[in-house]
PDB file of N, CA and C in Angstrom:
ATOM      1  N   MET A   1      91.157  99.034 101.714  1.00  0.00           N
ATOM      2  CA  MET A   1      91.412  99.630 102.445  1.00  0.00           C
ATOM      3  C   MET A   1      92.242 101.199 102.328  1.00  0.00           C
ATOM      4  N   PRO A   2      91.654 102.237 102.624  1.00  0.00           N
ATOM      5  CA  PRO A   2      92.642 103.592 102.084  1.00  0.00           C
ATOM      6  C   PRO A   2      93.685 103.485 103.361  1.00  0.00           C
ATOM      7  N   LEU A   3      94.756 104.000 102.828  1.00  0.00           N
ATOM      8  CA  LEU A   3      96.002 104.423 103.637  1.00  0.00           C
ATOM      9  C   LEU A   3      95.833 106.061 104.115  1.00  0.00           C
ATOM     10  N   ILE A   4      96.018 105.882 105.765  1.00  0.00           N
ATOM     11  CA  ILE A   4      96.152 107.430 106.283  1.00  0.00           C
ATOM     12  C   ILE A   4      97.298 107.884 105.866  1.00  0.00           C
ATOM     13  N   LEU A   5      97.371 109.385 105.442  1.00  0.00           N
ATOM     14  CA  LEU A   5      98.705 109.867 105.233  1.00  0.00           C
ATOM     15  C   LEU A   5      98.786 110.741 106.099  1.00  0.00           C
ATOM     16  N   PRO A   6     100.216 111.115 106.715  1.00  0.00           N
ATOM     17  CA  PRO A   6     100.495 111.809 108.123  1.00  0.00           C
ATOM     18  C   PRO A   6     100.485 113.495 107.205  1.00  0.00           C
ATOM     19  N   ASN A   7     100.122 114.396 107.880  1.00  0.00           N
ATOM     20  CA  ASN A   7     100.671 115.993 107.684  1.00  0.00           C
ATOM     21  C   ASN A   7     101.815 116.610 108.309  1.00  0.00           C
ATOM     22  N   THR A   8     102.631 115.700 108.800  1.00  0.00           N
ATOM     23  CA  THR A   8     104.108 116.121 109.382  1.00  0.00           C
ATOM     24  C   THR A   8     105.555 116.164 108.225  1.00  0.00           C
ATOM     25  N   ALA A   9     105.312 115.191 107.687  1.00  0.00           N
ATOM     26  CA  ALA A   9     106.078 115.287 106.548  1.00  0.00           C
ATOM     27  C   ALA A   9     106.003 114.691 105.093  1.00  0.00           C
ATOM     28  N   PRO A  10     106.723 114.791 103.833  1.00  0.00           N
ATOM     29  CA  PRO A  10     106.024 114.372 102.637  1.00  0.00           C
ATOM     30  C   PRO A  10     106.114 112.621 102.815  1.00  0.00           C
ATOM     31  N   THR A  11     105.109 112.196 102.064  1.00  0.00           N
ATOM     32  CA  THR A  11     105.022 110.851 101.938  1.00  0.00           C
ATOM     33  C   THR A  11     104.730 110.725 100.497  1.00  0.00           C
ATOM     34  N   LEU A  12     105.430 109.677  99.881  1.00  0.00           N
ATOM     35  CA  LEU A  12     105.359 108.752  98.431  1.00  0.00           C
ATOM     36  C   LEU A  12     104.400 108.018  98.169  1.00  0.00           C
ATOM     37  N   LEU A  13     103.767 107.915  97.136  1.00  0.00           N
ATOM     38  CA  LEU A  13     102.651 107.211  97.117  1.00  0.00           C
ATOM     39  C   LEU A  13     103.407 106.578  95.511  1.00  0.00           C
ATOM     40  N   ILE A  14     103.526 105.208  95.438  1.00  0.00           N
ATOM     41  CA  ILE A  14     104.215 104.399  94.305  1.00  0.00           C
ATOM     42  C   ILE A  14     103.036 103.558  93.653  1.00  0.00           C
ATOM     43  N   ARG A  15     103.009 103.502  92.538  1.00  0.00           N
ATOM     44  CA  ARG A  15     101.706 101.950  92.217  1.00  0.00           C
ATOM     45  C   ARG A  15     102.492 101.209  92.487  1.00  0.00           C
ATOM     46  N   LYS A  16     101.973  99.806  92.600  1.00  0.00           N
ATOM     47  CA  LYS A  16     102.572  98.618  93.298  1.00  0.00           C
ATOM     48  C   LYS A  16     103.269  98.017  91.964  1.00  0.00           C
ATOM     49  N   SER A  17     102.439  98.003  91.499  1.00  0.00           N
ATOM     50  CA  SER A  17     102.670  97.192  89.694  1.00  0.00           C
ATOM     51  C   SER A  17     103.925  97.710  88.978  1.00  0.00           C
ATOM     52  N   ALA A  18     104.275  99.340  89.346  1.00  0.00           N
ATOM     53  CA  ALA A  18     105.261 100.223  88.845  1.00  0.00           C
ATOM     54  C   ALA A  18     106.729  99.932  89.711  1.00  0.00           C
ATOM     55  N   PHE A  19     106.639  99.921  90.953  1.00  0.00           N
ATOM     56  CA  PHE A  19     107.359  99.129  91.904  1.00  0.00           C
ATOM     57  C   PHE A  19     108.161  97.870  91.386  1.00  0.00           C
ATOM     58  N   GLU A  20     107.185  96.952  91.222  1.00  0.00           N
ATOM     59  CA  GLU A  20     107.450  95.590  90.571  1.00  0.00           C
ATOM     60  C   GLU A  20     107.845  95.567  89.176  1.00  0.00           C
ATOM     61  N   ARG A  21     107.388  96.314  88.512  1.00  0.00           N
ATOM     62  CA  ARG A  21     108.222  96.192  87.205  1.00  0.00           C
ATOM     63  C   ARG A  21     109.614  96.411  87.180  1.00  0.00           C
ATOM     64  N   VAL A  22     110.179  97.185  88.204  1.00  0.00           N
ATOM     65  CA  VAL A  22     111.248  97.949  87.770  1.00  0.00           C
ATOM     66  C   VAL A  22     111.927  96.933  88.854  1.00  0.00           C
ATOM     67  N   GLU A  23     111.587  96.054  89.167  1.00  0.00           N
ATOM     68  CA  GLU A  23     112.228  95.002  90.271  1.00  0.00           C
ATOM     69  C   GLU A  23     113.120  95.589  91.587  1.00  0.00           C
ATOM     70  N   MET A  24     112.389  96.437  92.013  1.00  0.00           N
ATOM     71  CA  MET A  24     112.508  97.257  93.437  1.00  0.00           C
ATOM     72  C   MET A  24     112.107  96.537  94.416  1.00  0.00           C
ATOM     73  N   THR A  25     112.509  96.364  95.429  1.00  0.00           N
ATOM     74  CA  THR A  25     112.364  95.736  97.293  1.00  0.00           C
ATOM     75  C   THR A  25     112.226  96.738  97.826  1.00  0.00           C
ATOM     76  N   ARG A  26     111.458  96.064  99.192  1.00  0.00           N
ATOM     77  CA  ARG A  26     111.230  96.824 100.108  1.00  0.00           C
ATOM     78  C   ARG A  26     112.609  97.089 100.839  1.00  0.00           C
ATOM     79  N   ALA A  27     113.670  96.195 100.507  1.00  0.00           N
ATOM     80  CA  ALA A  27     114.917  96.155 101.726  1.00  0.00           C
ATOM     81  C   ALA A  27     116.043  97.093 100.930  1.00  0.00           C
ATOM     82  N   GLN A  28     115.661  97.318  99.433  1.00  0.00           N
ATOM     83  CA  GLN A  28     116.991  98.236  98.618  1.00  0.00           C
ATOM     84  C   GLN A  28     115.962  99.556  99.502  1.00  0.00           C
ATOM     85  N   VAL A  29     114.727  99.862  99.677  1.00  0.00           N
ATOM     86  CA  VAL A  29     114.271 101.176  99.930  1.00  0.00           C
ATOM     87  C   VAL A  29     114.878 101.270 101.306  1.00  0.00           C
ATOM     88  N   ASP A  30     114.384 100.375 102.268  1.00  0.00           N
ATOM     89  CA  ASP A  30     115.158 100.237 103.769  1.00  0.00           C
ATOM     90  C   ASP A  30     116.673 100.534 103.508  1.00  0.00           C
ATOM     91  N   GLU A  31     117.051 100.395 102.949  1.00  0.00           N
ATOM     92  CA  GLU A  31     118.728 100.073 103.088  1.00  0.00           C
ATOM     93  C   GLU A  31     118.935 101.727 102.599  1.00  0.00           C
ATOM     94  N   ALA A  32     118.471 102.452 101.830  1.00  0.00           N
ATOM     95  CA  ALA A  32     118.737 103.521 101.552  1.00  0.00           C
ATOM     96  C   ALA A  32     118.405 104.425 102.770  1.00  0.00           C
ATOM     97  N   LEU A  33     117.160 104.308 102.993  1.00  0.00           N
ATOM     98  CA  LEU A  33     116.544 105.479 103.809  1.00  0.00           C
ATOM     99  C   LEU A  33     116.334 105.013 105.774  1.00  0.00           C
ATOM    100  N   GLY A  34     116.639 103.713 105.576  1.00  0.00           N
ATOM    101  CA  GLY A  34     116.583 103.069 107.135  1.00  0.00           C
ATOM    102  C   GLY A  34     114.975 103.423 107.566  1.00  0.00           C
ATOM    103  N   LEU A  35     114.226 102.788 106.984  1.00  0.00           N
ATOM    104  CA  LEU A  35     112.616 103.025 107.553  1.00  0.00           C
ATOM    105  C   LEU A  35     112.440 102.158 108.582  1.00  0.00           C
ATOM    106  N   THR A  36     111.134 102.526 109.084  1.00  0.00           N
ATOM    107  CA  THR A  36     110.494 101.735 110.360  1.00  0.00           C
ATOM    108  C   THR A  36     109.632 101.349 109.371  1.00  0.00           C
ATOM    109  N   PRO A  37     108.650  99.935 110.179  1.00  0.00           N
ATOM    110  CA  PRO A  37     107.594  99.252 109.180  1.00  0.00           C
ATOM    111  C   PRO A  37     106.404 100.267 109.230  1.00  0.00           C
ATOM    112  N   ASP A  38     106.155 101.117 110.222  1.00  0.00           N
ATOM    113  CA  ASP A  38     105.543 101.783 109.460  1.00  0.00           C
ATOM    114  C   ASP A  38     105.519 102.862 108.455  1.00  0.00           C
ATOM    115  N   GLU A  39     106.710 103.230 108.064  1.00  0.00           N
ATOM    116  CA  GLU A  39     107.363 104.173 107.033  1.00  0.00           C
ATOM    117  C   GLU A  39     106.906 103.538 105.699  1.00  0.00           C
ATOM    118  N   PHE A  40     106.638 102.463 105.402  1.00  0.00           N
ATOM    119  CA  PHE A  40     106.523 101.683 104.318  1.00  0.00           C
ATOM    120  C   PHE A  40     105.335 100.617 104.662  1.00  0.00           C
ATOM    121  N   ARG A  41     104.199 101.061 103.965  1.00  0.00           N
ATOM    122  CA  ARG A  41     102.997 100.521 103.818  1.00  0.00           C
ATOM    123  C   ARG A  41     102.610 100.342 102.800  1.00  0.00           C
ATOM    124  N   ILE A  42     101.783  99.032 102.604  1.00  0.00           N
ATOM    125  CA  ILE A  42     101.044  98.542 101.244  1.00  0.00           C
ATOM    126  C   ILE A  42      99.646  98.064 101.284  1.00  0.00           C
ATOM    127  N   GLU A  43      99.267  98.632 100.749  1.00  0.00           N
ATOM    128  CA  GLU A  43      97.706  98.809 100.503  1.00  0.00           C
ATOM    129  C   GLU A  43      97.199  98.310  99.544  1.00  0.00           C
ATOM    130  N   GLY A  44      96.448  97.267  99.031  1.00  0.00           N
ATOM    131  CA  GLY A  44      96.234  97.006  97.564  1.00  0.00           C
ATOM    132  C   GLY A  44      97.546  96.846  96.745  1.00  0.00           C
ATOM    133  N   ALA A  45      96.710  98.133  95.820  1.00  0.00           N
ATOM    134  CA  ALA A  45      97.642  98.316  94.492  1.00  0.00           C
ATOM    135  C   ALA A  45      98.514  99.757  94.808  1.00  0.00           C
ATOM    136  N   LEU A  46      99.051 100.258  96.242  1.00  0.00           N
ATOM    137  CA  LEU A  46      99.461 101.409  96.429  1.00  0.00           C
ATOM    138  C   LEU A  46     100.100 101.032  97.307  1.00  0.00           C
ATOM    139  N   ILE A  47     101.448 101.675  97.539  1.00  0.00           N
ATOM    140  CA  ILE A  47     102.764 101.814  98.512  1.00  0.00           C
ATOM    141  C   ILE A  47     102.579 102.883  98.683  1.00  0.00           C
ATOM    142  N   ALA A  48     102.764 103.043 100.427  1.00  0.00           N
ATOM    143  CA  ALA A  48     103.019 105.034 100.535  1.00  0.00           C
ATOM    144  C   ALA A  48     104.307 104.567 101.428  1.00  0.00           C
ATOM    145  N   ILE A  49     105.092 105.664 101.148  1.00  0.00           N
ATOM    146  CA  ILE A  49     106.693 105.527 101.664  1.00  0.00           C
ATOM    147  C   ILE A  49     106.607 106.899 102.562  1.00  0.00           C
ATOM    148  N   GLY A  50     106.595 106.923 103.997  1.00  0.00           N
ATOM    149  CA  GLY A  50     106.862 108.130 104.658  1.00  0.00           C
ATOM    150  C   GLY A  50     105.702 108.215 106.089  1.00  0.00           C
ATOM    151  N   PRO A  51     106.191 109.028 106.765  1.00  0.00           N
ATOM    152  CA  PRO A  51     106.527 110.214 106.413  1.00  0.00           C
ATOM    153  C   PRO A  51     108.185 110.309 106.082  1.00  0.00           C
ATOM    154  N   LEU A  52     108.651 111.240 104.999  1.00  0.00           N
ATOM    155  CA  LEU A  52     109.769 111.699 105.000  1.00  0.00           C
ATOM    156  C   LEU A  52     110.634 111.989 105.685  1.00  0.00           C
ATOM    157  N   VAL A  53     111.439 112.341 106.467  1.00  0.00           N
ATOM    158  CA  VAL A  53     112.197 113.417 107.551  1.00  0.00           C
ATOM    159  C   VAL A  53     113.520 113.378 106.876  1.00  0.00           C
ATOM    160  N   GLY A  54     113.561 114.626 106.774  1.00  0.00           N
ATOM    161  CA  GLY A  54     115.148 114.987 106.630  1.00  0.00           C
ATOM    162  C   GLY A  54     115.457 115.900 105.264  1.00  0.00           C
ATOM    163  N   GLU A  55     116.442 116.704 105.342  1.00  0.00           N
ATOM    164  CA  GLU A  55     116.048 117.854 104.216  1.00  0.00           C
ATOM    165  C   GLU A  55     116.047 117.109 102.496  1.00  0.00           C
ATOM    166  N   ASP A  56     116.778 116.100 102.705  1.00  0.00           N
ATOM    167  CA  ASP A  56     117.067 115.420 101.006  1.00  0.00           C
ATOM    168  C   ASP A  56     116.611 114.512 101.044  1.00  0.00           C
ATOM    169  N   THR A  57     115.994 113.815 102.019  1.00  0.00           N
ATOM    170  CA  THR A  57     115.390 112.100 101.784  1.00  0.00           C
ATOM    171  C   THR A  57     114.262 112.232 100.668  1.00  0.00           C
ATOM    172  N   LEU A  58     113.248 112.928 100.603  1.00  0.00           N
ATOM    173  CA  LEU A  58     112.565 112.868  99.557  1.00  0.00           C
ATOM    174  C   LEU A  58     113.531 113.143  98.267  1.00  0.00           C
ATOM    175  N   GLY A  59     113.887 113.944  97.532  1.00  0.00           N
ATOM    176  CA  GLY A  59     114.919 114.308  97.077  1.00  0.00           C
ATOM    177  C   GLY A  59     115.422 113.316  96.345  1.00  0.00           C
ATOM    178  N   ASP A  60     116.102 112.371  97.281  1.00  0.00           N
ATOM    179  CA  ASP A  60     116.859 111.306  96.739  1.00  0.00           C
ATOM    180  C   ASP A  60     116.344 110.272  96.472  1.00  0.00           C
ATOM    181  N   LEU A  61     115.091 109.968  97.109  1.00  0.00           N
ATOM    182  CA  LEU A  61     113.917 108.928  96.632  1.00  0.00           C
ATOM    183  C   LEU A  61     113.857 109.586  95.554  1.00  0.00           C
ATOM    184  N   ILE A  62     113.273 110.060  95.255  1.00  0.00           N
ATOM    185  CA  ILE A  62     112.878 110.414  93.915  1.00  0.00           C
ATOM    186  C   ILE A  62     113.777 109.995  92.658  1.00  0.00           C
ATOM    187  N   ASP A  63     115.153 110.495  93.261  1.00  0.00           N
ATOM    188  CA  ASP A  63     116.126 110.093  92.558  1.00  0.00           C
ATOM    189  C   ASP A  63     116.320 109.168  92.149  1.00  0.00           C
ATOM    190  N   ARG A  64     116.500 108.168  93.308  1.00  0.00           N
ATOM    191  CA  ARG A  64     116.345 106.540  92.994  1.00  0.00           C
ATOM    192  C   ARG A  64     115.360 105.824  91.868  1.00  0.00           C
ATOM    193  N   LEU A  65     114.100 106.464  92.380  1.00  0.00           N
ATOM    194  CA  LEU A  65     112.841 105.885  91.736  1.00  0.00           C
ATOM    195  C   LEU A  65     112.890 106.470  90.255  1.00  0.00           C
ATOM    196  N   GLU A  66     113.585 106.961  89.778  1.00  0.00           N
ATOM    197  CA  GLU A  66     113.686 107.855  88.126  1.00  0.00           C
ATOM    198  C   GLU A  66     114.860 106.935  87.690  1.00  0.00           C
ATOM    199  N   ALA A  67     115.833 106.992  88.374  1.00  0.00           N
ATOM    200  CA  ALA A  67     117.127 106.276  87.943  1.00  0.00           C
ATOM    201  C   ALA A  67     116.524 104.901  87.805  1.00  0.00           C
ATOM    202  N   ALA A  68     115.722 104.392  88.265  1.00  0.00           N
ATOM    203  CA  ALA A  68     115.113 102.780  88.206  1.00  0.00           C
ATOM    204  C   ALA A  68     114.211 102.676  86.779  1.00  0.00           C
ATOM    205  N   GLY A  69     113.611 103.794  86.368  1.00  0.00           N
ATOM    206  CA  GLY A  69     112.907 103.897  85.452  1.00  0.00           C
ATOM    207  C   GLY A  69     111.512 104.022  85.611  1.00  0.00           C
ATOM    208  N   LEU A  70     111.168 104.735  86.886  1.00  0.00           N
ATOM    209  CA  LEU A  70     109.813 104.922  87.420  1.00  0.00           C
ATOM    210  C   LEU A  70     109.467 106.446  86.843  1.00  0.00           C
ATOM    211  N   VAL A  71     108.871 106.649  86.191  1.00  0.00           N
ATOM    212  CA  VAL A  71     108.155 108.465  86.067  1.00  0.00           C
ATOM    213  C   VAL A  71     107.184 108.867  86.564  1.00  0.00           C
ATOM    214  N   TYR A  72     107.653 110.174  87.311  1.00  0.00           N
ATOM    215  CA  TYR A  72     106.982 111.191  87.902  1.00  0.00           C
ATOM    216  C   TYR A  72     105.406 111.454  87.717  1.00  0.00           C
ATOM    217  N   TYR A  73     104.360 111.270  88.519  1.00  0.00           N
ATOM    218  CA  TYR A  73     103.114 111.491  88.329  1.00  0.00           C
ATOM    219  C   TYR A  73     102.280 110.117  87.871  1.00  0.00           C
ATOM    220  N   ASP A  74     103.143 109.799  86.610  1.00  0.00           N
ATOM    221  CA  ASP A  74     102.810 107.889  85.985  1.00  0.00           C
ATOM    222  C   ASP A  74     102.508 106.860  87.049  1.00  0.00           C
ATOM    223  N   ASP A  75     103.896 106.976  87.442  1.00  0.00           N
ATOM    224  CA  ASP A  75     103.905 105.792  88.502  1.00  0.00           C
ATOM    225  C   ASP A  75     104.165 106.469  89.928  1.00  0.00           C
ATOM    226  N   PHE A  76     104.476 107.319  90.122  1.00  0.00           N
ATOM    227  CA  PHE A  76     104.307 107.750  91.758  1.00  0.00           C
ATOM    228  C   PHE A  76     104.442 109.274  91.951  1.00  0.00           C
ATOM    229  N   PHE A  77     103.989 109.890  93.224  1.00  0.00           N
ATOM    230  CA  PHE A  77     103.605 111.216  93.402  1.00  0.00           C
ATOM    231  C   PHE A  77     104.029 111.335  94.942  1.00  0.00           C
ATOM    232  N   GLU A  78     104.312 112.174  94.916  1.00  0.00           N
ATOM    233  CA  GLU A  78     104.281 113.007  96.180  1.00  0.00           C
ATOM    234  C   GLU A  78     103.625 113.922  96.953  1.00  0.00           C
ATOM    235  N   LEU A  79     102.983 113.790  98.367  1.00  0.00           N
ATOM    236  CA  LEU A  79     102.247 114.655  99.171  1.00  0.00           C
ATOM    237  C   LEU A  79     103.236 115.696 100.304  1.00  0.00           C
ATOM    238  N   SER A  80     103.087 116.330 100.168  1.00  0.00           N
ATOM    239  CA  SER A  80     103.815 117.421 100.816  1.00  0.00           C
ATOM    240  C   SER A  80     103.713 117.275 102.636  1.00  0.00           C
ATOM    241  N   GLY A  81     102.538 116.699 103.086  1.00  0.00           N
ATOM    242  CA  GLY A  81     102.501 116.859 104.343  1.00  0.00           C
ATOM    243  C   GLY A  81     101.867 118.171 105.352  1.00  0.00           C
ATOM    244  N   ASN A  82     101.888 118.894 104.327  1.00  0.00           N
ATOM    245  CA  ASN A  82     101.949 120.648 104.523  1.00  0.00           C
ATOM    246  C   ASN A  82     100.224 120.631 104.527  1.00  0.00           C
ATOM    247  N   TRP A  83      99.647 120.487 105.574  1.00  0.00           N
ATOM    248  CA  TRP A  83      97.845 120.241 105.689  1.00  0.00           C
ATOM    249  C   TRP A  83      97.794 120.232 107.339  1.00  0.00           C
ATOM    250  N   PRO A  84      96.697 120.889 107.499  1.00  0.00           N
ATOM    251  CA  PRO A  84      96.405 121.345 109.174  1.00  0.00           C
ATOM    252  C   PRO A  84      96.020 120.055 109.560  1.00  0.00           C
ATOM    253  N   GLU A  85      96.698 120.221 111.353  1.00  0.00           N
ATOM    254  CA  GLU A  85      96.428 118.960 111.701  1.00  0.00           C
ATOM    255  C   GLU A  85      94.933 118.192 112.045  1.00  0.00           C
ATOM    256  N   TRP A  86      94.094 119.566 111.847  1.00  0.00           N
ATOM    257  CA  TRP A  86      92.154 118.916 111.609  1.00  0.00           C
ATOM    258  C   TRP A  86      92.128 118.527 110.814  1.00  0.00           C
ATOM    259  N   LEU A  87      93.093 118.050 109.459  1.00  0.00           N
ATOM    260  CA  LEU A  87      92.223 117.589 108.184  1.00  0.00           C
ATOM    261  C   LEU A  87      92.976 115.869 107.882  1.00  0.00           C
ATOM    262  N   ARG A  88      92.486 115.102 107.661  1.00  0.00           N
ATOM    263  CA  ARG A  88      92.672 113.910 107.652  1.00  0.00           C
ATOM    264  C   ARG A  88      92.700 113.475 106.080  1.00  0.00           C
ATOM    265  N   LEU A  89      93.823 112.447 105.608  1.00  0.00           N
ATOM    266  CA  LEU A  89      93.691 112.319 104.161  1.00  0.00           C
ATOM    267  C   LEU A  89      94.025 110.974 104.270  1.00  0.00           C
ATOM    268  N   PHE A  90      93.697 110.489 103.062  1.00  0.00           N
ATOM    269  CA  PHE A  90      93.439 108.678 102.732  1.00  0.00           C
ATOM    270  C   PHE A  90      93.691 108.526 101.360  1.00  0.00           C
ATOM    271  N   ALA A  91      94.619 107.745 101.010  1.00  0.00           N
ATOM    272  CA  ALA A  91      94.786 107.510  99.870  1.00  0.00           C
ATOM    273  C   ALA A  91      94.281 105.593  99.313  1.00  0.00           C
ATOM    274  N   MET A  92      94.150 105.383  97.876  1.00  0.00           N
ATOM    275  CA  MET A  92      94.224 104.446  97.401  1.00  0.00           C
ATOM    276  C   MET A  92      94.096 104.189  96.242  1.00  0.00           C
ATOM    277  N   ASP A  93      94.374 103.000  95.743  1.00  0.00           N
ATOM    278  CA  ASP A  93      94.382 103.189  94.444  1.00  0.00           C
ATOM    279  C   ASP A  93      93.292 103.874  93.569  1.00  0.00           C
ATOM    280  N   ALA A  94      92.971 104.183  92.678  1.00  0.00           N
ATOM    281  CA  ALA A  94      91.847 104.549  91.846  1.00  0.00           C
ATOM    282  C   ALA A  94      91.013 103.103  91.121  1.00  0.00           C
ATOM    283  N   SER A  95      92.150 102.325  90.758  1.00  0.00           N
ATOM    284  CA  SER A  95      91.991 101.590  89.704  1.00  0.00           C
ATOM    285  C   SER A  95      91.345  99.736  90.580  1.00  0.00           C
ATOM    286  N   VAL A  96      91.162  99.965  91.656  1.00  0.00           N
ATOM    287  CA  VAL A  96      90.785  98.921  92.801  1.00  0.00           C
ATOM    288  C   VAL A  96      89.484  98.981  92.862  1.00  0.00           C
TER     289      VAL A  96
END
């Protein structure tokens, strides 16, 4: 089932296999960002983290992912959240 992406702030999409490959955990992300249950969602082979509010939140998370060995675009990608309210976007892993 596709994940609904919010238009209010950026969302980071991560391949679940890549996240697990570098042995990251939700607890690590929660500790760093203080996420609510709705801000860390898993559907099939895709993880969606967001909306990410705060000026440095997205950049800090990208830095953490890259430091763990993940590669931008190949393993994760961010969507700006900058689209009109009348447009609803859904995301799912294409390999499913």
